[in-house]
Amino acid sequence: MLHIESDRPFTPVDALKLGNRLLRRQEVELKTGKSRSAIYAEMRKGTFPAPVPIGENSVAWLEVEIDRWIAERVAARNQALNTPFEICQVARA
């Protein structure tokens, strides 16, 4: 069993839903708009999802956790603006 030393607790994943992808750092940067240094700085603060080891020197992030992190940012923004969350809708002519 793989043991990862960390000062932050994590919740074990019992089962992954089909379609959940592992994202490499570059994909996480593109999806979140964050730089590499910002991602690792927020991980140290405990405000960004931790990666999953996928090889001896490789890590990736669960897409569902990155999506949840983005949704939490949007929800916080909407709560601050006191507006309901709406999926972007394109005006139709």
Protein backbone atom coordinates (compact mmCIF):
# COMPACT_ATOMS: atom_id res chain seq x y z
CA MET A 1 0.00 0.00 0.00
CA LEU A 2 1.28 3.45 -0.92
CA HIS A 3 1.84 5.78 2.01
CA ILE A 4 2.13 9.51 1.40
CA GLU A 5 3.59 11.71 4.12
CA SER A 6 1.53 14.86 4.50
CA ASP A 7 0.67 17.30 7.25
CA ARG A 8 -2.85 17.58 5.82
CA PRO A 9 -5.44 14.84 6.27
CA PHE A 10 -7.15 13.51 3.19
CA THR A 11 -10.24 11.49 2.55
CA PRO A 12 -9.62 8.12 0.93
CA VAL A 13 -11.47 7.51 -2.30
CA ASP A 14 -13.55 4.35 -2.18
CA ALA A 15 -14.61 4.33 -5.81
CA LEU A 16 -14.13 6.56 -8.79
CA LYS A 17 -16.95 7.33 -11.15
CA LEU A 18 -16.42 6.32 -14.73
CA GLY A 19 -15.26 9.26 -16.75
CA ASN A 20 -13.22 10.81 -13.93
CA ARG A 21 -9.90 11.76 -15.43
CA LEU A 22 -6.47 12.36 -14.03
CA LEU A 23 -5.18 15.76 -15.12
CA ARG A 24 -1.49 16.55 -15.43
CA ARG A 25 -0.24 19.91 -14.15
CA GLN A 26 -0.43 21.69 -17.50
CA GLU A 27 -4.11 20.73 -17.87
CA VAL A 28 -4.79 21.93 -14.31
CA GLU A 29 -3.11 25.24 -15.14
CA LEU A 30 -5.26 25.64 -18.26
CA LYS A 31 -8.46 24.64 -16.49
CA THR A 32 -7.96 26.87 -13.44
CA GLY A 33 -5.99 29.75 -14.93
CA LYS A 34 -3.40 29.32 -12.17
CA SER A 35 0.34 29.16 -12.64
CA ARG A 36 2.46 26.26 -11.46
CA SER A 37 3.80 28.24 -8.51
CA ALA A 38 0.29 29.38 -7.50
CA ILE A 39 -0.99 25.79 -7.59
CA TYR A 40 1.80 24.53 -5.32
CA ALA A 41 1.54 27.56 -3.00
CA GLU A 42 -2.20 26.94 -2.51
CA MET A 43 -1.56 23.22 -1.98
CA ARG A 44 0.85 24.11 0.85
CA LYS A 45 -1.85 26.32 2.39
CA GLY A 46 -4.39 23.52 2.04
CA THR A 47 -6.65 25.53 -0.26
CA PHE A 48 -6.11 23.51 -3.44
CA PRO A 49 -6.63 19.78 -4.09
CA ALA A 50 -3.64 17.54 -3.51
CA PRO A 51 -2.31 15.54 -6.45
CA VAL A 52 -2.31 11.76 -6.79
CA PRO A 53 1.02 10.00 -7.39
CA ILE A 54 0.93 8.21 -10.74
CA GLY A 55 4.57 7.25 -11.06
CA GLU A 56 7.92 7.54 -9.36
CA ASN A 57 8.25 11.24 -10.26
CA SER A 58 4.78 11.98 -11.61
CA VAL A 59 1.56 13.32 -10.14
CA ALA A 60 -1.86 14.19 -11.47
CA TRP A 61 -5.04 15.71 -10.07
CA LEU A 62 -8.51 14.18 -10.07
CA GLU A 63 -10.61 16.19 -12.49
CA VAL A 64 -13.64 15.95 -10.20
CA GLU A 65 -11.68 17.61 -7.38
CA ILE A 66 -10.49 20.41 -9.68
CA ASP A 67 -14.07 20.89 -10.93
CA ARG A 68 -15.29 21.02 -7.31
CA TRP A 69 -12.60 23.61 -6.47
CA ILE A 70 -13.74 25.77 -9.41
CA ALA A 71 -17.41 25.39 -8.41
CA GLU A 72 -16.57 26.47 -4.85
CA ARG A 73 -14.89 29.65 -6.18
CA VAL A 74 -17.95 30.42 -8.33
CA ALA A 75 -20.33 29.76 -5.41
CA ALA A 76 -18.30 32.06 -3.13
CA ARG A 77 -18.34 34.77 -5.78
CA ASN A 78 -22.09 34.41 -6.28
CA GLN A 79 -22.74 34.46 -2.54
CA ALA A 80 -20.66 37.63 -2.22
CA LEU A 81 -22.67 39.21 -5.03
CA ASN A 82 -25.90 37.72 -3.66
CA THR A 83 -26.75 36.29 -7.06
CA PRO A 84 -27.88 32.77 -7.93
CA PHE A 85 -25.52 30.47 -9.78
CA GLU A 86 -26.53 30.17 -13.39
CA ILE A 87 -24.83 28.26 -16.13
CA CYS A 88 -23.85 30.67 -18.86
CA GLN A 89 -26.72 30.97 -21.28
CA VAL A 90 -26.32 32.27 -24.79
CA ALA A 91 -29.00 34.74 -25.84
CA ARG A 92 -30.91 33.39 -28.78
CA ALA A 93 -32.23 35.64 -31.50
